[in-house]
PDB file of N, CA and C in Angstrom:
ATOM      1  N   MET A   1       2.564 -52.775 -41.269  1.00  0.00           N
ATOM      2  CA  MET A   1       2.170 -51.706 -42.176  1.00  0.00           C
ATOM      3  C   MET A   1       3.107 -51.737 -43.377  1.00  0.00           C
ATOM      4  N   ASP A   2       2.519 -51.709 -44.576  1.00  0.00           N
ATOM      5  CA  ASP A   2       3.351 -51.747 -45.764  1.00  0.00           C
ATOM      6  C   ASP A   2       3.906 -50.360 -46.089  1.00  0.00           C
ATOM      7  N   ALA A   3       4.742 -50.272 -47.121  1.00  0.00           N
ATOM      8  CA  ALA A   3       5.439 -49.023 -47.451  1.00  0.00           C
ATOM      9  C   ALA A   3       4.480 -47.936 -47.913  1.00  0.00           C
ATOM     10  N   ALA A   4       3.438 -48.305 -48.667  1.00  0.00           N
ATOM     11  CA  ALA A   4       2.489 -47.307 -49.167  1.00  0.00           C
ATOM     12  C   ALA A   4       1.675 -46.715 -48.031  1.00  0.00           C
ATOM     13  N   ALA A   5       1.262 -47.552 -47.077  1.00  0.00           N
ATOM     14  CA  ALA A   5       0.495 -47.060 -45.934  1.00  0.00           C
ATOM     15  C   ALA A   5       1.361 -46.185 -45.042  1.00  0.00           C
ATOM     16  N   ALA A   6       2.630 -46.559 -44.873  1.00  0.00           N
ATOM     17  CA  ALA A   6       3.535 -45.748 -44.064  1.00  0.00           C
ATOM     18  C   ALA A   6       3.793 -44.397 -44.716  1.00  0.00           C
ATOM     19  N   ALA A   7       3.921 -44.365 -46.035  1.00  0.00           N
ATOM     20  CA  ALA A   7       4.135 -43.104 -46.739  1.00  0.00           C
ATOM     21  C   ALA A   7       2.905 -42.225 -46.653  1.00  0.00           C
ATOM     22  N   ALA A   8       1.708 -42.829 -46.759  1.00  0.00           N
ATOM     23  CA  ALA A   8       0.473 -42.051 -46.660  1.00  0.00           C
ATOM     24  C   ALA A   8       0.298 -41.494 -45.254  1.00  0.00           C
ATOM     25  N   ALA A   9       0.668 -42.270 -44.236  1.00  0.00           N
ATOM     26  CA  ALA A   9       0.546 -41.799 -42.863  1.00  0.00           C
ATOM     27  C   ALA A   9       1.529 -40.668 -42.571  1.00  0.00           C
ATOM     28  N   ALA A  10       2.678 -40.699 -43.203  1.00  0.00           N
ATOM     29  CA  ALA A  10       3.675 -39.652 -43.004  1.00  0.00           C
ATOM     30  C   ALA A  10       3.404 -38.421 -43.852  1.00  0.00           C
ATOM     31  N   GLY A  11       2.409 -38.489 -44.730  1.00  0.00           N
ATOM     32  CA  GLY A  11       2.084 -37.352 -45.576  1.00  0.00           C
ATOM     33  C   GLY A  11       2.893 -37.295 -46.854  1.00  0.00           C
ATOM     34  N   ALA A  12       3.686 -38.297 -47.119  1.00  0.00           N
ATOM     35  CA  ALA A  12       4.495 -38.326 -48.335  1.00  0.00           C
ATOM     36  C   ALA A  12       3.679 -38.927 -49.476  1.00  0.00           C
ATOM     37  N   ALA A  13       4.106 -38.659 -50.672  1.00  0.00           N
ATOM     38  CA  ALA A  13       3.440 -39.229 -51.844  1.00  0.00           C
ATOM     39  C   ALA A  13       3.700 -40.728 -51.889  1.00  0.00           C
ATOM     40  N   PRO A  14       2.710 -41.501 -52.294  1.00  0.00           N
ATOM     41  CA  PRO A  14       2.929 -42.949 -52.392  1.00  0.00           C
ATOM     42  C   PRO A  14       3.906 -43.259 -53.519  1.00  0.00           C
ATOM     43  N   PRO A  15       4.573 -44.387 -53.426  1.00  0.00           N
ATOM     44  CA  PRO A  15       5.511 -44.759 -54.494  1.00  0.00           C
ATOM     45  C   PRO A  15       4.753 -45.022 -55.784  1.00  0.00           C
ATOM     46  N   PRO A  16       5.400 -44.835 -56.935  1.00  0.00           N
ATOM     47  CA  PRO A  16       4.706 -45.067 -58.205  1.00  0.00           C
ATOM     48  C   PRO A  16       4.364 -46.534 -58.387  1.00  0.00           C
ATOM     49  N   VAL A  17       3.293 -46.763 -59.110  1.00  0.00           N
ATOM     50  CA  VAL A  17       2.893 -48.131 -59.428  1.00  0.00           C
ATOM     51  C   VAL A  17       3.858 -48.668 -60.475  1.00  0.00           C
ATOM     52  N   LEU A  18       4.416 -49.812 -60.221  1.00  0.00           N
ATOM     53  CA  LEU A  18       5.385 -50.392 -61.146  1.00  0.00           C
ATOM     54  C   LEU A  18       4.775 -51.619 -61.815  1.00  0.00           C
ATOM     55  N   HIS A  19       4.791 -51.609 -63.116  1.00  0.00           N
ATOM     56  CA  HIS A  19       4.304 -52.725 -63.912  1.00  0.00           C
ATOM     57  C   HIS A  19       5.463 -53.262 -64.728  1.00  0.00           C
ATOM     58  N   HIS A  20       5.245 -54.325 -65.396  1.00  0.00           N
ATOM     59  CA  HIS A  20       6.203 -54.859 -66.357  1.00  0.00           C
ATOM     60  C   HIS A  20       7.613 -54.987 -65.782  1.00  0.00           C
ATOM     61  N   TRP A  21       7.782 -55.917 -64.920  1.00  0.00           N
ATOM     62  CA  TRP A  21       9.088 -56.239 -64.354  1.00  0.00           C
ATOM     63  C   TRP A  21       9.659 -55.094 -63.517  1.00  0.00           C
ATOM     64  N   GLY A  22       8.816 -54.417 -62.769  1.00  0.00           N
ATOM     65  CA  GLY A  22       9.298 -53.393 -61.853  1.00  0.00           C
ATOM     66  C   GLY A  22       9.604 -52.049 -62.473  1.00  0.00           C
ATOM     67  N   MET A  23       9.163 -51.818 -63.692  1.00  0.00           N
ATOM     68  CA  MET A  23       9.416 -50.534 -64.353  1.00  0.00           C
ATOM     69  C   MET A  23       8.148 -49.682 -64.326  1.00  0.00           C
ATOM     70  N   PRO A  24       8.284 -48.355 -64.207  1.00  0.00           N
ATOM     71  CA  PRO A  24       7.082 -47.515 -64.302  1.00  0.00           C
ATOM     72  C   PRO A  24       6.479 -47.611 -65.691  1.00  0.00           C
ATOM     73  N   ASP A  25       5.183 -47.480 -65.768  1.00  0.00           N
ATOM     74  CA  ASP A  25       4.481 -47.713 -67.014  1.00  0.00           C
ATOM     75  C   ASP A  25       3.830 -46.426 -67.498  1.00  0.00           C
ATOM     76  N   GLY A  26       3.804 -46.213 -68.797  1.00  0.00           N
ATOM     77  CA  GLY A  26       3.196 -45.027 -69.370  1.00  0.00           C
ATOM     78  C   GLY A  26       1.685 -44.991 -69.253  1.00  0.00           C
ATOM     79  N   HIS A  27       1.064 -46.123 -68.924  1.00  0.00           N
ATOM     80  CA  HIS A  27      -0.379 -46.141 -68.745  1.00  0.00           C
ATOM     81  C   HIS A  27      -0.805 -45.368 -67.504  1.00  0.00           C
ATOM     82  N   ASP A  28       0.102 -45.095 -66.606  1.00  0.00           N
ATOM     83  CA  ASP A  28      -0.208 -44.405 -65.364  1.00  0.00           C
ATOM     84  C   ASP A  28       0.077 -42.913 -65.440  1.00  0.00           C
ATOM     85  N   SER A  29       0.184 -42.365 -66.626  1.00  0.00           N
ATOM     86  CA  SER A  29       0.534 -40.965 -66.808  1.00  0.00           C
ATOM     87  C   SER A  29      -0.641 -40.063 -66.471  1.00  0.00           C
ATOM     88  N   SER A  30      -0.346 -38.909 -65.897  1.00  0.00           N
ATOM     89  CA  SER A  30      -1.397 -37.930 -65.618  1.00  0.00           C
ATOM     90  C   SER A  30      -1.835 -37.211 -66.887  1.00  0.00           C
ATOM     91  N   LEU A  31      -1.098 -37.373 -67.977  1.00  0.00           N
ATOM     92  CA  LEU A  31      -1.512 -36.786 -69.244  1.00  0.00           C
ATOM     93  C   LEU A  31      -2.773 -37.449 -69.784  1.00  0.00           C
ATOM     94  N   LEU A  32      -3.070 -38.663 -69.333  1.00  0.00           N
ATOM     95  CA  LEU A  32      -4.282 -39.346 -69.783  1.00  0.00           C
ATOM     96  C   LEU A  32      -5.532 -38.606 -69.335  1.00  0.00           C
ATOM     97  N   LEU A  33      -5.495 -38.007 -68.153  1.00  0.00           N
ATOM     98  CA  LEU A  33      -6.633 -37.221 -67.688  1.00  0.00           C
ATOM     99  C   LEU A  33      -6.858 -36.011 -68.586  1.00  0.00           C
ATOM    100  N   LEU A  34      -5.790 -35.353 -68.967  1.00  0.00           N
ATOM    101  CA  LEU A  34      -5.896 -34.211 -69.872  1.00  0.00           C
ATOM    102  C   LEU A  34      -6.409 -34.634 -71.244  1.00  0.00           C
ATOM    103  N   GLU A  35      -5.980 -35.792 -71.714  1.00  0.00           N
ATOM    104  CA  GLU A  35      -6.478 -36.309 -72.989  1.00  0.00           C
ATOM    105  C   GLU A  35      -7.981 -36.566 -72.919  1.00  0.00           C
ATOM    106  N   CYS A  36      -8.442 -37.127 -71.824  1.00  0.00           N
ATOM    107  CA  CYS A  36      -9.880 -37.390 -71.679  1.00  0.00           C
ATOM    108  C   CYS A  36     -10.668 -36.090 -71.600  1.00  0.00           C
ATOM    109  N   LEU A  37     -10.160 -35.115 -70.876  1.00  0.00           N
ATOM    110  CA  LEU A  37     -10.852 -33.833 -70.760  1.00  0.00           C
ATOM    111  C   LEU A  37     -10.914 -33.105 -72.099  1.00  0.00           C
ATOM    112  N   LEU A  38      -9.861 -33.179 -72.883  1.00  0.00           N
ATOM    113  CA  LEU A  38      -9.869 -32.548 -74.198  1.00  0.00           C
ATOM    114  C   LEU A  38     -10.675 -33.346 -75.218  1.00  0.00           C
ATOM    115  N   GLY A  39     -10.905 -34.607 -74.952  1.00  0.00           N
ATOM    116  CA  GLY A  39     -11.688 -35.432 -75.864  1.00  0.00           C
ATOM    117  C   GLY A  39     -13.169 -35.106 -75.848  1.00  0.00           C
ATOM    118  N   VAL A  40     -13.673 -34.564 -74.748  1.00  0.00           N
ATOM    119  CA  VAL A  40     -15.102 -34.249 -74.648  1.00  0.00           C
ATOM    120  C   VAL A  40     -15.502 -33.142 -75.630  1.00  0.00           C
ATOM    121  N   PRO A  41     -14.847 -31.965 -75.604  1.00  0.00           N
ATOM    122  CA  PRO A  41     -15.253 -30.962 -76.599  1.00  0.00           C
ATOM    123  C   PRO A  41     -14.920 -31.383 -78.037  1.00  0.00           C
ATOM    124  N   LEU A  42     -13.903 -32.194 -78.205  1.00  0.00           N
ATOM    125  CA  LEU A  42     -13.580 -32.671 -79.551  1.00  0.00           C
ATOM    126  C   LEU A  42     -14.687 -33.587 -80.077  1.00  0.00           C
ATOM    127  N   ALA A  43     -15.208 -34.452 -79.218  1.00  0.00           N
ATOM    128  CA  ALA A  43     -16.288 -35.347 -79.633  1.00  0.00           C
ATOM    129  C   ALA A  43     -17.569 -34.574 -79.936  1.00  0.00           C
ATOM    130  N   LEU A  44     -17.791 -33.478 -79.230  1.00  0.00           N
ATOM    131  CA  LEU A  44     -18.972 -32.657 -79.481  1.00  0.00           C
ATOM    132  C   LEU A  44     -18.787 -31.725 -80.674  1.00  0.00           C
ATOM    133  N   GLY A  45     -17.555 -31.527 -81.084  1.00  0.00           N
ATOM    134  CA  GLY A  45     -17.288 -30.608 -82.176  1.00  0.00           C
ATOM    135  C   GLY A  45     -17.280 -29.164 -81.726  1.00  0.00           C
ATOM    136  N   LEU A  46     -16.883 -28.929 -80.507  1.00  0.00           N
ATOM    137  CA  LEU A  46     -16.855 -27.590 -79.931  1.00  0.00           C
ATOM    138  C   LEU A  46     -15.416 -27.088 -79.919  1.00  0.00           C
ATOM    139  N   TYR A  47     -15.169 -25.944 -80.523  1.00  0.00           N
ATOM    140  CA  TYR A  47     -13.827 -25.360 -80.634  1.00  0.00           C
ATOM    141  C   TYR A  47     -12.839 -26.382 -81.215  1.00  0.00           C
ATOM    142  N   THR A  48     -13.209 -26.961 -82.326  1.00  0.00           N
ATOM    143  CA  THR A  48     -12.483 -28.093 -82.887  1.00  0.00           C
ATOM    144  C   THR A  48     -11.033 -27.757 -83.221  1.00  0.00           C
ATOM    145  N   ALA A  49     -10.795 -26.604 -83.814  1.00  0.00           N
ATOM    146  CA  ALA A  49      -9.428 -26.276 -84.226  1.00  0.00           C
ATOM    147  C   ALA A  49      -8.505 -26.130 -83.023  1.00  0.00           C
ATOM    148  N   GLY A  50      -8.929 -25.381 -82.032  1.00  0.00           N
ATOM    149  CA  GLY A  50      -8.078 -25.179 -80.858  1.00  0.00           C
ATOM    150  C   GLY A  50      -7.887 -26.434 -80.033  1.00  0.00           C
ATOM    151  N   VAL A  51      -8.985 -27.179 -79.849  1.00  0.00           N
ATOM    152  CA  VAL A  51      -8.903 -28.403 -79.050  1.00  0.00           C
ATOM    153  C   VAL A  51      -8.037 -29.444 -79.748  1.00  0.00           C
ATOM    154  N   SER A  52      -8.145 -29.542 -81.067  1.00  0.00           N
ATOM    155  CA  SER A  52      -7.319 -30.533 -81.759  1.00  0.00           C
ATOM    156  C   SER A  52      -5.841 -30.163 -81.702  1.00  0.00           C
ATOM    157  N   ARG A  53      -5.532 -28.864 -81.740  1.00  0.00           N
ATOM    158  CA  ARG A  53      -4.125 -28.460 -81.580  1.00  0.00           C
ATOM    159  C   ARG A  53      -3.602 -28.806 -80.195  1.00  0.00           C
ATOM    160  N   LEU A  54      -4.399 -28.497 -79.161  1.00  0.00           N
ATOM    161  CA  LEU A  54      -3.972 -28.815 -77.789  1.00  0.00           C
ATOM    162  C   LEU A  54      -3.819 -30.315 -77.582  1.00  0.00           C
ATOM    163  N   LEU A  55      -4.775 -31.083 -78.087  1.00  0.00           N
ATOM    164  CA  LEU A  55      -4.702 -32.532 -77.929  1.00  0.00           C
ATOM    165  C   LEU A  55      -3.520 -33.113 -78.695  1.00  0.00           C
ATOM    166  N   CYS A  56      -3.204 -32.527 -79.833  1.00  0.00           N
ATOM    167  CA  CYS A  56      -2.023 -32.949 -80.596  1.00  0.00           C
ATOM    168  C   CYS A  56      -0.757 -32.732 -79.770  1.00  0.00           C
ATOM    169  N   LEU A  57      -0.641 -31.577 -79.129  1.00  0.00           N
ATOM    170  CA  LEU A  57       0.531 -31.306 -78.293  1.00  0.00           C
ATOM    171  C   LEU A  57       0.619 -32.260 -77.104  1.00  0.00           C
ATOM    172  N   VAL A  58      -0.520 -32.540 -76.485  1.00  0.00           N
ATOM    173  CA  VAL A  58      -0.526 -33.455 -75.333  1.00  0.00           C
ATOM    174  C   VAL A  58      -0.128 -34.861 -75.769  1.00  0.00           C
ATOM    175  N   LEU A  59      -0.640 -35.307 -76.912  1.00  0.00           N
ATOM    176  CA  LEU A  59      -0.287 -36.648 -77.397  1.00  0.00           C
ATOM    177  C   LEU A  59       1.193 -36.756 -77.749  1.00  0.00           C
ATOM    178  N   LEU A  60       1.731 -35.715 -78.364  1.00  0.00           N
ATOM    179  CA  LEU A  60       3.164 -35.746 -78.684  1.00  0.00           C
ATOM    180  C   LEU A  60       4.013 -35.685 -77.417  1.00  0.00           C
ATOM    181  N   ALA A  61       3.580 -34.900 -76.427  1.00  0.00           N
ATOM    182  CA  ALA A  61       4.313 -34.855 -75.156  1.00  0.00           C
ATOM    183  C   ALA A  61       4.286 -36.212 -74.465  1.00  0.00           C
ATOM    184  N   GLU A  62       3.131 -36.881 -74.495  1.00  0.00           N
ATOM    185  CA  GLU A  62       3.049 -38.212 -73.898  1.00  0.00           C
ATOM    186  C   GLU A  62       3.903 -39.208 -74.668  1.00  0.00           C
ATOM    187  N   ALA A  63       3.908 -39.115 -75.982  1.00  0.00           N
ATOM    188  CA  ALA A  63       4.699 -40.053 -76.784  1.00  0.00           C
ATOM    189  C   ALA A  63       6.180 -39.933 -76.463  1.00  0.00           C
ATOM    190  N   VAL A  64       6.671 -38.714 -76.338  1.00  0.00           N
ATOM    191  CA  VAL A  64       8.107 -38.506 -76.103  1.00  0.00           C
ATOM    192  C   VAL A  64       8.495 -38.809 -74.663  1.00  0.00           C
ATOM    193  N   THR A  65       7.648 -38.449 -73.704  1.00  0.00           N
ATOM    194  CA  THR A  65       8.033 -38.627 -72.301  1.00  0.00           C
ATOM    195  C   THR A  65       7.706 -40.011 -71.750  1.00  0.00           C
ATOM    196  N   GLN A  66       6.571 -40.582 -72.154  1.00  0.00           N
ATOM    197  CA  GLN A  66       6.146 -41.850 -71.565  1.00  0.00           C
ATOM    198  C   GLN A  66       6.486 -43.070 -72.419  1.00  0.00           C
ATOM    199  N   TRP A  67       6.575 -42.900 -73.710  1.00  0.00           N
ATOM    200  CA  TRP A  67       6.745 -44.042 -74.605  1.00  0.00           C
ATOM    201  C   TRP A  67       8.040 -43.927 -75.416  1.00  0.00           C
ATOM    202  N   ALA A  68       9.124 -43.599 -74.763  1.00  0.00           N
ATOM    203  CA  ALA A  68      10.424 -43.441 -75.433  1.00  0.00           C
ATOM    204  C   ALA A  68      11.042 -44.820 -75.667  1.00  0.00           C
ATOM    205  N   TRP A  69      10.698 -45.431 -76.773  1.00  0.00           N
ATOM    206  CA  TRP A  69      11.114 -46.802 -77.066  1.00  0.00           C
ATOM    207  C   TRP A  69      12.593 -46.899 -77.412  1.00  0.00           C
ATOM    208  N   TRP A  70      13.240 -45.767 -77.723  1.00  0.00           N
ATOM    209  CA  TRP A  70      14.651 -45.784 -78.118  1.00  0.00           C
ATOM    210  C   TRP A  70      15.583 -45.867 -76.919  1.00  0.00           C
ATOM    211  N   ARG A  71      15.063 -45.703 -75.723  1.00  0.00           N
ATOM    212  CA  ARG A  71      15.909 -45.830 -74.528  1.00  0.00           C
ATOM    213  C   ARG A  71      16.386 -47.270 -74.380  1.00  0.00           C
ATOM    214  N   SER A  72      17.487 -47.419 -73.712  1.00  0.00           N
ATOM    215  CA  SER A  72      18.000 -48.772 -73.478  1.00  0.00           C
ATOM    216  C   SER A  72      17.533 -49.271 -72.120  1.00  0.00           C
ATOM    217  N   GLY A  73      17.684 -50.533 -71.906  1.00  0.00           N
ATOM    218  CA  GLY A  73      17.368 -51.113 -70.607  1.00  0.00           C
ATOM    219  C   GLY A  73      15.964 -51.673 -70.491  1.00  0.00           C
ATOM    220  N   TRP A  74      15.308 -51.964 -71.603  1.00  0.00           N
ATOM    221  CA  TRP A  74      13.984 -52.571 -71.509  1.00  0.00           C
ATOM    222  C   TRP A  74      14.137 -54.014 -71.074  1.00  0.00           C
ATOM    223  N   PRO A  75      13.214 -54.518 -70.268  1.00  0.00           N
ATOM    224  CA  PRO A  75      13.374 -55.874 -69.742  1.00  0.00           C
ATOM    225  C   PRO A  75      13.247 -56.959 -70.799  1.00  0.00           C
ATOM    226  N   SER A  76      12.529 -56.705 -71.870  1.00  0.00           N
ATOM    227  CA  SER A  76      12.411 -57.704 -72.933  1.00  0.00           C
ATOM    228  C   SER A  76      12.075 -56.998 -74.236  1.00  0.00           C
ATOM    229  N   TRP A  77      12.228 -57.694 -75.325  1.00  0.00           N
ATOM    230  CA  TRP A  77      11.886 -57.100 -76.609  1.00  0.00           C
ATOM    231  C   TRP A  77      10.378 -56.970 -76.769  1.00  0.00           C
ATOM    232  N   HIS A  78       9.615 -57.799 -76.034  1.00  0.00           N
ATOM    233  CA  HIS A  78       8.159 -57.693 -76.080  1.00  0.00           C
ATOM    234  C   HIS A  78       7.700 -56.353 -75.525  1.00  0.00           C
ATOM    235  N   TYR A  79       8.271 -55.972 -74.393  1.00  0.00           N
ATOM    236  CA  TYR A  79       7.879 -54.707 -73.776  1.00  0.00           C
ATOM    237  C   TYR A  79       8.361 -53.531 -74.615  1.00  0.00           C
ATOM    238  N   ARG A  80       9.528 -53.637 -75.204  1.00  0.00           N
ATOM    239  CA  ARG A  80      10.020 -52.561 -76.070  1.00  0.00           C
ATOM    240  C   ARG A  80       9.094 -52.390 -77.272  1.00  0.00           C
ATOM    241  N   GLN A  81       8.614 -53.487 -77.824  1.00  0.00           N
ATOM    242  CA  GLN A  81       7.664 -53.420 -78.939  1.00  0.00           C
ATOM    243  C   GLN A  81       6.347 -52.783 -78.492  1.00  0.00           C
ATOM    244  N   HIS A  82       5.896 -53.116 -77.290  1.00  0.00           N
ATOM    245  CA  HIS A  82       4.676 -52.538 -76.733  1.00  0.00           C
ATOM    246  C   HIS A  82       4.818 -51.019 -76.611  1.00  0.00           C
ATOM    247  N   VAL A  83       5.945 -50.565 -76.096  1.00  0.00           N
ATOM    248  CA  VAL A  83       6.192 -49.130 -75.937  1.00  0.00           C
ATOM    249  C   VAL A  83       6.276 -48.457 -77.304  1.00  0.00           C
ATOM    250  N   ARG A  84       6.936 -49.108 -78.240  1.00  0.00           N
ATOM    251  CA  ARG A  84       7.054 -48.552 -79.593  1.00  0.00           C
ATOM    252  C   ARG A  84       5.696 -48.416 -80.274  1.00  0.00           C
ATOM    253  N   ASP A  85       4.831 -49.405 -80.087  1.00  0.00           N
ATOM    254  CA  ASP A  85       3.485 -49.327 -80.652  1.00  0.00           C
ATOM    255  C   ASP A  85       2.710 -48.139 -80.094  1.00  0.00           C
ATOM    256  N   HIS A  86       2.819 -47.912 -78.790  1.00  0.00           N
ATOM    257  CA  HIS A  86       2.160 -46.758 -78.183  1.00  0.00           C
ATOM    258  C   HIS A  86       2.716 -45.451 -78.737  1.00  0.00           C
ATOM    259  N   PHE A  87       4.027 -45.376 -78.898  1.00  0.00           N
ATOM    260  CA  PHE A  87       4.648 -44.153 -79.421  1.00  0.00           C
ATOM    261  C   PHE A  87       4.118 -43.823 -80.812  1.00  0.00           C
ATOM    262  N   PHE A  88       4.121 -44.813 -81.700  1.00  0.00           N
ATOM    263  CA  PHE A  88       3.680 -44.545 -83.068  1.00  0.00           C
ATOM    264  C   PHE A  88       2.176 -44.353 -83.170  1.00  0.00           C
ATOM    265  N   THR A  89       1.405 -44.962 -82.284  1.00  0.00           N
ATOM    266  CA  THR A  89      -0.033 -44.706 -82.265  1.00  0.00           C
ATOM    267  C   THR A  89      -0.309 -43.264 -81.857  1.00  0.00           C
ATOM    268  N   ASN A  90       0.388 -42.790 -80.824  1.00  0.00           N
ATOM    269  CA  ASN A  90       0.198 -41.399 -80.388  1.00  0.00           C
ATOM    270  C   ASN A  90       0.590 -40.408 -81.479  1.00  0.00           C
ATOM    271  N   THR A  91       1.705 -40.658 -82.164  1.00  0.00           N
ATOM    272  CA  THR A  91       2.117 -39.724 -83.211  1.00  0.00           C
ATOM    273  C   THR A  91       1.168 -39.784 -84.413  1.00  0.00           C
ATOM    274  N   ALA A  92       0.625 -40.948 -84.730  1.00  0.00           N
ATOM    275  CA  ALA A  92      -0.321 -41.052 -85.838  1.00  0.00           C
ATOM    276  C   ALA A  92      -1.627 -40.332 -85.517  1.00  0.00           C
ATOM    277  N   VAL A  93      -2.121 -40.485 -84.307  1.00  0.00           N
ATOM    278  CA  VAL A  93      -3.345 -39.787 -83.916  1.00  0.00           C
ATOM    279  C   VAL A  93      -3.106 -38.283 -83.884  1.00  0.00           C
ATOM    280  N   ALA A  94      -1.924 -37.854 -83.450  1.00  0.00           N
ATOM    281  CA  ALA A  94      -1.600 -36.423 -83.471  1.00  0.00           C
ATOM    282  C   ALA A  94      -1.607 -35.886 -84.895  1.00  0.00           C
ATOM    283  N   GLY A  95      -1.123 -36.652 -85.850  1.00  0.00           N
ATOM    284  CA  GLY A  95      -1.184 -36.237 -87.247  1.00  0.00           C
ATOM    285  C   GLY A  95      -2.609 -36.140 -87.754  1.00  0.00           C
ATOM    286  N   GLY A  96      -3.455 -37.068 -87.356  1.00  0.00           N
ATOM    287  CA  GLY A  96      -4.867 -37.002 -87.725  1.00  0.00           C
ATOM    288  C   GLY A  96      -5.560 -35.790 -87.127  1.00  0.00           C
ATOM    289  N   LEU A  97      -5.173 -35.429 -85.915  1.00  0.00           N
ATOM    290  CA  LEU A  97      -5.738 -34.237 -85.291  1.00  0.00           C
ATOM    291  C   LEU A  97      -5.309 -32.963 -86.016  1.00  0.00           C
ATOM    292  N   LEU A  98      -4.089 -32.945 -86.533  1.00  0.00           N
ATOM    293  CA  LEU A  98      -3.659 -31.791 -87.324  1.00  0.00           C
ATOM    294  C   LEU A  98      -4.468 -31.682 -88.616  1.00  0.00           C
ATOM    295  N   LEU A  99      -4.790 -32.823 -89.222  1.00  0.00           N
ATOM    296  CA  LEU A  99      -5.658 -32.806 -90.407  1.00  0.00           C
ATOM    297  C   LEU A  99      -7.051 -32.283 -90.052  1.00  0.00           C
ATOM    298  N   MET A 100      -7.574 -32.714 -88.912  1.00  0.00           N
ATOM    299  CA  MET A 100      -8.882 -32.238 -88.482  1.00  0.00           C
ATOM    300  C   MET A 100      -8.852 -30.736 -88.210  1.00  0.00           C
ATOM    301  N   GLN A 101      -7.759 -30.262 -87.662  1.00  0.00           N
ATOM    302  CA  GLN A 101      -7.620 -28.838 -87.385  1.00  0.00           C
ATOM    303  C   GLN A 101      -7.604 -28.034 -88.682  1.00  0.00           C
ATOM    304  N   SER A 102      -6.970 -28.555 -89.706  1.00  0.00           N
ATOM    305  CA  SER A 102      -6.861 -27.792 -90.943  1.00  0.00           C
ATOM    306  C   SER A 102      -8.106 -27.914 -91.820  1.00  0.00           C
ATOM    307  N   PHE A 103      -8.782 -29.076 -91.855  1.00  0.00           N
ATOM    308  CA  PHE A 103      -9.946 -29.265 -92.715  1.00  0.00           C
ATOM    309  C   PHE A 103     -11.272 -29.024 -92.005  1.00  0.00           C
ATOM    310  N   GLY A 104     -11.274 -29.011 -90.684  1.00  0.00           N
ATOM    311  CA  GLY A 104     -12.516 -28.833 -89.936  1.00  0.00           C
ATOM    312  C   GLY A 104     -13.138 -30.169 -89.584  1.00  0.00           C
ATOM    313  N   ALA A 105     -14.102 -30.114 -88.669  1.00  0.00           N
ATOM    314  CA  ALA A 105     -14.709 -31.339 -88.161  1.00  0.00           C
ATOM    315  C   ALA A 105     -15.911 -31.794 -88.962  1.00  0.00           C
ATOM    316  N   GLY A 106     -16.457 -30.957 -89.822  1.00  0.00           N
ATOM    317  CA  GLY A 106     -17.601 -31.355 -90.630  1.00  0.00           C
ATOM    318  C   GLY A 106     -18.814 -30.484 -90.386  1.00  0.00           C
ATOM    319  N   LEU A 107     -19.934 -30.918 -90.929  1.00  0.00           N
ATOM    320  CA  LEU A 107     -21.155 -30.114 -90.867  1.00  0.00           C
ATOM    321  C   LEU A 107     -21.954 -30.294 -89.588  1.00  0.00           C
ATOM    322  N   PHE A 108     -21.904 -31.466 -88.993  1.00  0.00           N
ATOM    323  CA  PHE A 108     -22.748 -31.780 -87.854  1.00  0.00           C
ATOM    324  C   PHE A 108     -21.987 -31.635 -86.541  1.00  0.00           C
ATOM    325  N   THR A 109     -21.567 -30.426 -86.236  1.00  0.00           N
ATOM    326  CA  THR A 109     -20.834 -30.145 -85.006  1.00  0.00           C
ATOM    327  C   THR A 109     -21.430 -28.920 -84.328  1.00  0.00           C
ATOM    328  N   VAL A 110     -21.069 -28.701 -83.102  1.00  0.00           N
ATOM    329  CA  VAL A 110     -21.509 -27.511 -82.378  1.00  0.00           C
ATOM    330  C   VAL A 110     -20.921 -26.264 -83.029  1.00  0.00           C
ATOM    331  N   ASP A 111     -19.701 -26.351 -83.539  1.00  0.00           N
ATOM    332  CA  ASP A 111     -19.085 -25.212 -84.228  1.00  0.00           C
ATOM    333  C   ASP A 111     -19.925 -24.772 -85.421  1.00  0.00           C
ATOM    334  N   SER A 112     -20.422 -25.723 -86.195  1.00  0.00           N
ATOM    335  CA  SER A 112     -21.227 -25.356 -87.371  1.00  0.00           C
ATOM    336  C   SER A 112     -22.579 -24.789 -86.959  1.00  0.00           C
ATOM    337  N   LEU A 113     -23.152 -25.292 -85.861  1.00  0.00           N
ATOM    338  CA  LEU A 113     -24.402 -24.725 -85.372  1.00  0.00           C
ATOM    339  C   LEU A 113     -24.217 -23.291 -84.888  1.00  0.00           C
ATOM    340  N   LEU A 114     -23.113 -23.024 -84.198  1.00  0.00           N
ATOM    341  CA  LEU A 114     -22.840 -21.674 -83.740  1.00  0.00           C
ATOM    342  C   LEU A 114     -22.563 -20.730 -84.895  1.00  0.00           C
ATOM    343  N   ALA A 115     -21.936 -21.239 -85.953  1.00  0.00           N
ATOM    344  CA  ALA A 115     -21.656 -20.407 -87.124  1.00  0.00           C
ATOM    345  C   ALA A 115     -22.948 -20.064 -87.870  1.00  0.00           C
ATOM    346  N   LYS A 116     -23.940 -20.971 -87.900  1.00  0.00           N
ATOM    347  CA  LYS A 116     -25.217 -20.703 -88.565  1.00  0.00           C
ATOM    348  C   LYS A 116     -26.030 -19.660 -87.809  1.00  0.00           C
ATOM    349  N   GLN A 117     -25.877 -19.589 -86.477  1.00  0.00           N
ATOM    350  CA  GLN A 117     -26.631 -18.637 -85.682  1.00  0.00           C
ATOM    351  C   GLN A 117     -26.128 -17.214 -85.858  1.00  0.00           C
ATOM    352  N   ASP A 118     -24.871 -17.047 -86.244  1.00  0.00           N
ATOM    353  CA  ASP A 118     -24.297 -15.700 -86.408  1.00  0.00           C
ATOM    354  C   ASP A 118     -24.762 -15.014 -87.635  1.00  0.00           C
TER     355      ASP A 118
END
C-alpha cells in the first residue's frame, strides 16, 4: 500500500501533489475553483461590478500566495520564470477587471437587460 492509500485509509488528508522537482505547484490551488465560479456570472454580464471586484481580489490573492516568484530556492531559473509569468498575468488580468468594474461590461449583458426592464 502506498502512502496516499494509507493516508486515505487512516482518514488523513492525502499529501499534496508535487510537480516541478518535488515542489508544490500553484496550478493545484483551490482558488482556481473560485475563479471558475466567479467567471460564469462575469461571462454572462450579471452583477459585473461586484463580480469583477471579487475576481480581482481572488486573482491578487492567488498571485501573492501561489506565484511568489521573489522567494528563493527555486529549482531552476526556468521554473522561476514560469512562476513570474503567472504572477504578472494574474496582476494584469486583475487590472483589466478593475477597468471593467469602473467602465461597465457594455450594452449586451444581463445587467443592461435588467436595467431596461426597470
